[in-house]
Amino acid sequence: MLRYLVERQYDVLGVDASVAMIDLARARFPATRFEVCDMRELNLDRSFDAVIAWHSLFHLAPGDQRAMFETFARHLHPGGMLMFTSGSEAGEVWSENDGEALYHASLATAEYRSLLEGCGFGVLRHVMDDAACGGATVWIARLAG
């Protein structure tokens, strides 16, 4: 995704809690700005045209996910777009990634929709288990404005 945006000369700020991931991104995209930050503590004092939380939000516990929608709204211009992935049903699971345990959680579809609407978003697209996106459940929403 980052390559696509950078190649089209979008102004991008990448944020990740992992120093290793930020270091890797900086090496691949040296002209792009990056910050090491846990998304739950995000407070950039600026807003953007779009926020993408791709394969990241679902690594947070359900309560932390619920709180993120206000954070997303606070970081978007009116009319700004939010794109994120979630699980396809409520629950928590663990998987393995390069020998490390990896936590995943999802809220129910109706709860995501309610949280979005409660923070001023209108859902433009919601695709469950999208084969074109590797089986991810994809949400695209626009902040009112």
N, C-alpha and C. Protein backbone atom coordinates (compact mmCIF):
# COMPACT_ATOMS: atom_id res chain seq x y z
N MET A 1 0.82 -1.19 0.00
CA MET A 1 0.00 0.00 0.00
C MET A 1 0.87 1.26 0.00
N LEU A 2 1.91 1.24 0.83
CA LEU A 2 2.78 2.42 0.92
C LEU A 2 3.44 2.69 -0.43
N ARG A 3 3.93 1.66 -1.07
CA ARG A 3 4.56 1.84 -2.39
C ARG A 3 3.58 2.50 -3.36
N TYR A 4 2.35 2.02 -3.38
CA TYR A 4 1.33 2.58 -4.27
C TYR A 4 1.15 4.08 -4.00
N LEU A 5 1.04 4.47 -2.75
CA LEU A 5 0.82 5.87 -2.40
C LEU A 5 2.05 6.73 -2.71
N VAL A 6 3.22 6.23 -2.39
CA VAL A 6 4.45 6.98 -2.63
C VAL A 6 4.69 7.16 -4.13
N GLU A 7 4.48 6.12 -4.91
CA GLU A 7 4.68 6.21 -6.35
C GLU A 7 3.75 7.23 -7.00
N ARG A 8 2.61 7.47 -6.38
CA ARG A 8 1.65 8.45 -6.90
C ARG A 8 1.82 9.81 -6.23
N GLN A 9 2.90 9.95 -5.49
CA GLN A 9 3.33 11.20 -4.87
C GLN A 9 2.34 11.76 -3.84
N TYR A 10 1.66 10.86 -3.13
CA TYR A 10 0.85 11.30 -2.01
C TYR A 10 1.76 11.64 -0.84
N ASP A 11 1.37 12.62 -0.07
CA ASP A 11 2.10 12.98 1.15
C ASP A 11 1.67 12.00 2.23
N VAL A 12 2.60 11.18 2.71
CA VAL A 12 2.28 10.09 3.63
C VAL A 12 3.06 10.25 4.92
N LEU A 13 2.41 9.96 6.02
CA LEU A 13 3.06 9.82 7.32
C LEU A 13 2.76 8.41 7.80
N GLY A 14 3.79 7.60 7.95
CA GLY A 14 3.62 6.24 8.43
C GLY A 14 3.83 6.16 9.92
N VAL A 15 2.97 5.43 10.60
CA VAL A 15 3.04 5.28 12.06
C VAL A 15 2.98 3.80 12.41
N ASP A 16 3.87 3.36 13.28
CA ASP A 16 3.85 1.98 13.75
C ASP A 16 4.49 1.96 15.13
N ALA A 17 4.04 1.06 15.99
CA ALA A 17 4.61 0.92 17.34
C ALA A 17 5.93 0.18 17.32
N SER A 18 6.23 -0.50 16.24
CA SER A 18 7.43 -1.33 16.15
C SER A 18 8.59 -0.54 15.54
N VAL A 19 9.66 -0.38 16.30
CA VAL A 19 10.86 0.29 15.79
C VAL A 19 11.40 -0.48 14.59
N ALA A 20 11.39 -1.81 14.67
CA ALA A 20 11.91 -2.62 13.57
C ALA A 20 11.11 -2.38 12.29
N MET A 21 9.79 -2.29 12.40
CA MET A 21 8.97 -2.05 11.21
C MET A 21 9.22 -0.66 10.64
N ILE A 22 9.36 0.33 11.50
CA ILE A 22 9.65 1.69 11.03
C ILE A 22 11.02 1.74 10.38
N ASP A 23 12.01 1.07 10.97
CA ASP A 23 13.34 1.04 10.37
C ASP A 23 13.31 0.42 8.98
N LEU A 24 12.56 -0.66 8.82
CA LEU A 24 12.42 -1.32 7.53
C LEU A 24 11.75 -0.37 6.52
N ALA A 25 10.69 0.28 6.95
CA ALA A 25 9.99 1.22 6.06
C ALA A 25 10.89 2.39 5.66
N ARG A 26 11.64 2.92 6.61
CA ARG A 26 12.56 4.03 6.30
C ARG A 26 13.62 3.60 5.30
N ALA A 27 14.10 2.38 5.42
CA ALA A 27 15.11 1.89 4.47
C ALA A 27 14.52 1.76 3.06
N ARG A 28 13.29 1.35 2.96
CA ARG A 28 12.65 1.16 1.66
C ARG A 28 12.12 2.46 1.06
N PHE A 29 11.72 3.39 1.94
CA PHE A 29 11.11 4.65 1.49
C PHE A 29 11.75 5.82 2.23
N PRO A 30 13.01 6.13 1.92
CA PRO A 30 13.75 7.13 2.70
C PRO A 30 13.18 8.55 2.64
N ALA A 31 12.41 8.88 1.63
CA ALA A 31 11.86 10.23 1.53
C ALA A 31 10.52 10.38 2.26
N THR A 32 10.00 9.29 2.82
CA THR A 32 8.71 9.31 3.51
C THR A 32 8.92 9.53 5.00
N ARG A 33 8.00 10.27 5.61
CA ARG A 33 8.08 10.52 7.06
C ARG A 33 7.44 9.36 7.82
N PHE A 34 8.09 8.98 8.92
CA PHE A 34 7.60 7.90 9.77
C PHE A 34 7.74 8.31 11.23
N GLU A 35 6.85 7.79 12.06
CA GLU A 35 6.92 7.99 13.50
C GLU A 35 6.67 6.67 14.21
N VAL A 36 7.44 6.43 15.26
CA VAL A 36 7.20 5.27 16.12
C VAL A 36 6.19 5.72 17.17
N CYS A 37 5.04 5.08 17.17
CA CYS A 37 3.98 5.44 18.11
C CYS A 37 2.96 4.32 18.17
N ASP A 38 2.50 4.01 19.36
CA ASP A 38 1.40 3.08 19.55
C ASP A 38 0.12 3.82 19.12
N MET A 39 -0.65 3.23 18.25
CA MET A 39 -1.84 3.94 17.74
C MET A 39 -2.80 4.34 18.85
N ARG A 40 -2.78 3.63 19.95
CA ARG A 40 -3.67 3.99 21.06
C ARG A 40 -3.27 5.31 21.70
N GLU A 41 -2.04 5.76 21.47
CA GLU A 41 -1.55 7.02 22.02
C GLU A 41 -1.39 8.10 20.97
N LEU A 42 -1.93 7.88 19.80
CA LEU A 42 -1.76 8.79 18.67
C LEU A 42 -2.41 10.14 18.95
N ASN A 43 -1.62 11.18 18.86
CA ASN A 43 -2.12 12.55 19.01
C ASN A 43 -1.18 13.45 18.21
N LEU A 44 -1.42 13.57 16.92
CA LEU A 44 -0.50 14.26 16.02
C LEU A 44 -0.80 15.75 15.89
N ASP A 45 -1.88 16.23 16.48
CA ASP A 45 -2.26 17.65 16.39
C ASP A 45 -2.38 18.11 14.95
N ARG A 46 -2.81 17.24 14.09
CA ARG A 46 -3.09 17.58 12.70
C ARG A 46 -4.06 16.56 12.13
N SER A 47 -4.63 16.90 11.01
CA SER A 47 -5.57 15.98 10.39
C SER A 47 -5.15 15.69 8.95
N PHE A 48 -5.74 14.65 8.40
CA PHE A 48 -5.34 14.12 7.11
C PHE A 48 -6.56 13.87 6.24
N ASP A 49 -6.31 13.67 4.95
CA ASP A 49 -7.39 13.31 4.02
C ASP A 49 -7.82 11.86 4.19
N ALA A 50 -6.90 11.03 4.68
CA ALA A 50 -7.21 9.61 4.83
C ALA A 50 -6.37 9.01 5.95
N VAL A 51 -6.95 8.01 6.59
CA VAL A 51 -6.25 7.19 7.58
C VAL A 51 -6.45 5.74 7.15
N ILE A 52 -5.34 5.00 7.11
CA ILE A 52 -5.40 3.58 6.76
C ILE A 52 -4.86 2.78 7.94
N ALA A 53 -5.68 1.88 8.45
CA ALA A 53 -5.27 0.98 9.55
C ALA A 53 -5.41 -0.45 9.01
N TRP A 54 -4.49 -0.79 8.12
CA TRP A 54 -4.56 -2.06 7.39
C TRP A 54 -3.83 -3.14 8.17
N HIS A 55 -4.53 -4.19 8.52
CA HIS A 55 -3.97 -5.31 9.28
C HIS A 55 -3.29 -4.83 10.56
N SER A 56 -3.88 -3.86 11.23
CA SER A 56 -3.30 -3.35 12.47
C SER A 56 -4.33 -3.24 13.59
N LEU A 57 -5.48 -2.67 13.30
CA LEU A 57 -6.49 -2.45 14.34
C LEU A 57 -6.85 -3.75 15.05
N PHE A 58 -6.93 -4.84 14.31
CA PHE A 58 -7.36 -6.10 14.92
C PHE A 58 -6.32 -6.75 15.82
N HIS A 59 -5.16 -6.11 15.96
CA HIS A 59 -4.18 -6.59 16.95
C HIS A 59 -4.42 -5.97 18.32
N LEU A 60 -5.39 -5.07 18.42
CA LEU A 60 -5.75 -4.45 19.69
C LEU A 60 -6.89 -5.21 20.35
N ALA A 61 -6.92 -5.16 21.67
CA ALA A 61 -8.02 -5.75 22.43
C ALA A 61 -9.33 -5.02 22.07
N PRO A 62 -10.46 -5.68 22.23
CA PRO A 62 -11.73 -5.06 21.86
C PRO A 62 -11.95 -3.66 22.44
N GLY A 63 -11.67 -3.47 23.71
CA GLY A 63 -11.87 -2.14 24.30
C GLY A 63 -11.00 -1.07 23.66
N ASP A 64 -9.77 -1.42 23.33
CA ASP A 64 -8.88 -0.48 22.66
C ASP A 64 -9.36 -0.19 21.23
N GLN A 65 -9.89 -1.19 20.56
CA GLN A 65 -10.45 -0.96 19.23
C GLN A 65 -11.60 0.03 19.29
N ARG A 66 -12.46 -0.14 20.27
CA ARG A 66 -13.61 0.76 20.38
C ARG A 66 -13.16 2.21 20.52
N ALA A 67 -12.12 2.44 21.30
CA ALA A 67 -11.62 3.81 21.53
C ALA A 67 -10.96 4.40 20.29
N MET A 68 -10.49 3.58 19.38
CA MET A 68 -9.75 4.09 18.23
C MET A 68 -10.59 4.89 17.25
N PHE A 69 -11.89 4.67 17.21
CA PHE A 69 -12.69 5.36 16.21
C PHE A 69 -12.76 6.86 16.47
N GLU A 70 -12.74 7.28 17.73
CA GLU A 70 -12.64 8.71 18.04
C GLU A 70 -11.27 9.24 17.62
N THR A 71 -10.23 8.45 17.84
CA THR A 71 -8.88 8.86 17.43
C THR A 71 -8.81 9.00 15.91
N PHE A 72 -9.37 8.05 15.18
CA PHE A 72 -9.39 8.15 13.72
C PHE A 72 -10.12 9.42 13.29
N ALA A 73 -11.29 9.67 13.86
CA ALA A 73 -12.07 10.85 13.48
C ALA A 73 -11.30 12.14 13.78
N ARG A 74 -10.61 12.17 14.90
CA ARG A 74 -9.85 13.37 15.30
C ARG A 74 -8.69 13.65 14.33
N HIS A 75 -8.21 12.63 13.65
CA HIS A 75 -7.08 12.79 12.74
C HIS A 75 -7.49 12.93 11.27
N LEU A 76 -8.78 13.12 11.02
CA LEU A 76 -9.26 13.27 9.65
C LEU A 76 -9.88 14.64 9.42
N HIS A 77 -9.65 15.19 8.23
CA HIS A 77 -10.38 16.38 7.79
C HIS A 77 -11.84 15.98 7.61
N PRO A 78 -12.78 16.93 7.72
CA PRO A 78 -14.16 16.62 7.36
C PRO A 78 -14.20 16.06 5.93
N GLY A 79 -14.92 14.98 5.76
CA GLY A 79 -14.98 14.31 4.47
C GLY A 79 -13.85 13.33 4.26
N GLY A 80 -12.95 13.20 5.24
CA GLY A 80 -11.80 12.30 5.13
C GLY A 80 -12.21 10.84 5.14
N MET A 81 -11.34 10.02 4.60
CA MET A 81 -11.62 8.59 4.44
C MET A 81 -10.87 7.76 5.46
N LEU A 82 -11.52 6.72 5.96
CA LEU A 82 -10.92 5.74 6.85
C LEU A 82 -11.03 4.38 6.16
N MET A 83 -9.91 3.67 6.10
CA MET A 83 -9.91 2.31 5.58
C MET A 83 -9.23 1.43 6.60
N PHE A 84 -9.89 0.35 6.99
CA PHE A 84 -9.29 -0.57 7.95
C PHE A 84 -9.78 -1.99 7.68
N THR A 85 -9.09 -2.93 8.30
CA THR A 85 -9.48 -4.33 8.21
C THR A 85 -9.88 -4.82 9.59
N SER A 86 -10.77 -5.77 9.59
CA SER A 86 -11.23 -6.37 10.85
C SER A 86 -11.39 -7.87 10.63
N GLY A 87 -11.76 -8.55 11.69
CA GLY A 87 -12.16 -9.94 11.55
C GLY A 87 -13.57 -9.99 10.99
N SER A 88 -14.03 -11.18 10.70
CA SER A 88 -15.38 -11.31 10.12
C SER A 88 -16.44 -11.61 11.17
N GLU A 89 -16.02 -11.86 12.42
CA GLU A 89 -16.98 -12.09 13.50
C GLU A 89 -16.31 -11.76 14.83
N ALA A 90 -17.11 -11.53 15.84
CA ALA A 90 -16.57 -11.18 17.16
C ALA A 90 -15.80 -12.35 17.75
N GLY A 91 -14.65 -12.04 18.33
CA GLY A 91 -13.86 -13.07 18.98
C GLY A 91 -12.39 -12.70 19.05
N GLU A 92 -11.63 -13.56 19.72
CA GLU A 92 -10.20 -13.37 19.88
C GLU A 92 -9.50 -14.68 19.51
N VAL A 93 -8.39 -14.58 18.78
CA VAL A 93 -7.60 -15.75 18.42
C VAL A 93 -6.12 -15.39 18.46
N TRP A 94 -5.31 -16.42 18.58
CA TRP A 94 -3.85 -16.27 18.50
C TRP A 94 -3.38 -17.01 17.27
N SER A 95 -2.39 -16.46 16.59
CA SER A 95 -1.75 -17.15 15.47
C SER A 95 -0.24 -17.06 15.68
N GLU A 96 0.49 -17.53 14.69
CA GLU A 96 1.95 -17.48 14.77
C GLU A 96 2.48 -16.74 13.57
N ASN A 97 3.47 -15.87 13.80
CA ASN A 97 4.13 -15.12 12.74
C ASN A 97 5.63 -15.18 12.98
N ASP A 98 6.34 -15.88 12.11
CA ASP A 98 7.79 -16.05 12.27
C ASP A 98 8.16 -16.56 13.66
N GLY A 99 7.37 -17.53 14.16
CA GLY A 99 7.66 -18.13 15.45
C GLY A 99 7.18 -17.34 16.65
N GLU A 100 6.57 -16.20 16.42
CA GLU A 100 6.06 -15.35 17.51
C GLU A 100 4.54 -15.45 17.58
N ALA A 101 4.02 -15.47 18.80
CA ALA A 101 2.58 -15.47 19.00
C ALA A 101 2.02 -14.11 18.60
N LEU A 102 0.90 -14.11 17.89
CA LEU A 102 0.31 -12.89 17.37
C LEU A 102 -1.18 -12.87 17.71
N TYR A 103 -1.60 -11.84 18.44
CA TYR A 103 -2.99 -11.70 18.92
C TYR A 103 -3.85 -11.02 17.86
N HIS A 104 -5.07 -11.53 17.71
CA HIS A 104 -6.07 -10.93 16.82
C HIS A 104 -7.40 -10.87 17.58
N ALA A 105 -8.10 -9.78 17.42
CA ALA A 105 -9.43 -9.66 18.01
C ALA A 105 -10.35 -8.95 17.01
N SER A 106 -11.60 -9.25 17.10
CA SER A 106 -12.57 -8.58 16.25
C SER A 106 -13.84 -8.33 17.03
N LEU A 107 -14.47 -7.24 16.70
CA LEU A 107 -15.81 -6.95 17.20
C LEU A 107 -16.81 -7.51 16.20
N ALA A 108 -18.05 -7.52 16.54
CA ALA A 108 -19.09 -7.93 15.61
C ALA A 108 -19.29 -6.85 14.56
N THR A 109 -19.70 -7.24 13.38
CA THR A 109 -19.93 -6.29 12.28
C THR A 109 -20.86 -5.16 12.72
N ALA A 110 -21.95 -5.49 13.39
CA ALA A 110 -22.90 -4.47 13.82
C ALA A 110 -22.26 -3.48 14.78
N GLU A 111 -21.33 -3.95 15.62
CA GLU A 111 -20.68 -3.03 16.56
C GLU A 111 -19.72 -2.10 15.83
N TYR A 112 -18.95 -2.60 14.87
CA TYR A 112 -18.09 -1.71 14.09
C TYR A 112 -18.93 -0.64 13.41
N ARG A 113 -20.02 -1.05 12.81
CA ARG A 113 -20.89 -0.09 12.11
C ARG A 113 -21.42 0.96 13.10
N SER A 114 -21.84 0.54 14.26
CA SER A 114 -22.36 1.45 15.27
C SER A 114 -21.28 2.42 15.75
N LEU A 115 -20.08 1.92 15.98
CA LEU A 115 -18.97 2.78 16.41
C LEU A 115 -18.63 3.81 15.34
N LEU A 116 -18.58 3.37 14.10
CA LEU A 116 -18.31 4.30 13.00
C LEU A 116 -19.38 5.39 12.94
N GLU A 117 -20.62 4.99 12.94
CA GLU A 117 -21.71 5.96 12.85
C GLU A 117 -21.72 6.89 14.06
N GLY A 118 -21.41 6.37 15.25
CA GLY A 118 -21.37 7.18 16.45
C GLY A 118 -20.27 8.23 16.45
N CYS A 119 -19.24 8.01 15.64
CA CYS A 119 -18.14 8.97 15.52
C CYS A 119 -18.25 9.82 14.26
N GLY A 120 -19.39 9.75 13.59
CA GLY A 120 -19.62 10.61 12.44
C GLY A 120 -19.21 10.05 11.09
N PHE A 121 -18.97 8.74 11.03
CA PHE A 121 -18.59 8.12 9.76
C PHE A 121 -19.81 7.51 9.08
N GLY A 122 -19.79 7.56 7.77
CA GLY A 122 -20.74 6.81 6.97
C GLY A 122 -19.98 5.69 6.28
N VAL A 123 -20.49 4.49 6.37
CA VAL A 123 -19.82 3.34 5.74
C VAL A 123 -20.10 3.38 4.24
N LEU A 124 -19.03 3.43 3.45
CA LEU A 124 -19.15 3.43 2.00
C LEU A 124 -19.04 2.02 1.43
N ARG A 125 -18.22 1.21 2.07
CA ARG A 125 -18.02 -0.16 1.57
C ARG A 125 -17.60 -1.05 2.73
N HIS A 126 -18.14 -2.23 2.75
CA HIS A 126 -17.78 -3.24 3.73
C HIS A 126 -17.83 -4.58 3.02
N VAL A 127 -16.68 -5.24 2.93
CA VAL A 127 -16.60 -6.51 2.22
C VAL A 127 -16.05 -7.55 3.18
N MET A 128 -16.85 -8.56 3.45
CA MET A 128 -16.45 -9.65 4.33
C MET A 128 -15.54 -10.62 3.57
N ASP A 129 -14.43 -10.99 4.21
CA ASP A 129 -13.54 -12.02 3.67
C ASP A 129 -13.24 -11.79 2.19
N ASP A 130 -12.81 -10.58 1.87
CA ASP A 130 -12.58 -10.15 0.48
C ASP A 130 -11.44 -10.95 -0.16
N ALA A 131 -11.77 -11.77 -1.13
CA ALA A 131 -10.76 -12.59 -1.81
C ALA A 131 -9.72 -11.73 -2.51
N ALA A 132 -10.11 -10.55 -2.98
CA ALA A 132 -9.18 -9.65 -3.67
C ALA A 132 -8.17 -9.03 -2.70
N CYS A 133 -8.44 -9.15 -1.41
CA CYS A 133 -7.55 -8.60 -0.37
C CYS A 133 -7.06 -9.70 0.56
N GLY A 134 -6.82 -10.87 0.02
CA GLY A 134 -6.27 -11.96 0.81
C GLY A 134 -7.19 -12.49 1.89
N GLY A 135 -8.49 -12.32 1.71
CA GLY A 135 -9.46 -12.81 2.68
C GLY A 135 -9.74 -11.85 3.81
N ALA A 136 -9.20 -10.63 3.73
CA ALA A 136 -9.43 -9.63 4.78
C ALA A 136 -10.87 -9.12 4.72
N THR A 137 -11.39 -8.74 5.87
CA THR A 137 -12.67 -8.02 5.90
C THR A 137 -12.34 -6.54 5.89
N VAL A 138 -12.81 -5.86 4.85
CA VAL A 138 -12.41 -4.49 4.56
C VAL A 138 -13.54 -3.52 4.82
N TRP A 139 -13.20 -2.39 5.45
CA TRP A 139 -14.13 -1.30 5.70
C TRP A 139 -13.58 -0.02 5.07
N ILE A 140 -14.44 0.72 4.40
CA ILE A 140 -14.11 2.05 3.90
C ILE A 140 -15.24 2.96 4.36
N ALA A 141 -14.87 4.02 5.07
CA ALA A 141 -15.87 4.92 5.63
C ALA A 141 -15.42 6.37 5.42
N ARG A 142 -16.37 7.27 5.36
CA ARG A 142 -16.09 8.71 5.20
C ARG A 142 -16.60 9.46 6.40
N LEU A 143 -15.76 10.34 6.91
CA LEU A 143 -16.16 11.21 8.02
C LEU A 143 -17.07 12.31 7.49
N ALA A 144 -18.16 12.54 8.18
CA ALA A 144 -19.09 13.58 7.76
C ALA A 144 -18.37 14.92 7.67
N GLY A 145 -18.89 15.77 6.82
CA GLY A 145 -18.24 17.06 6.74
C GLY A 145 -18.68 17.83 5.59
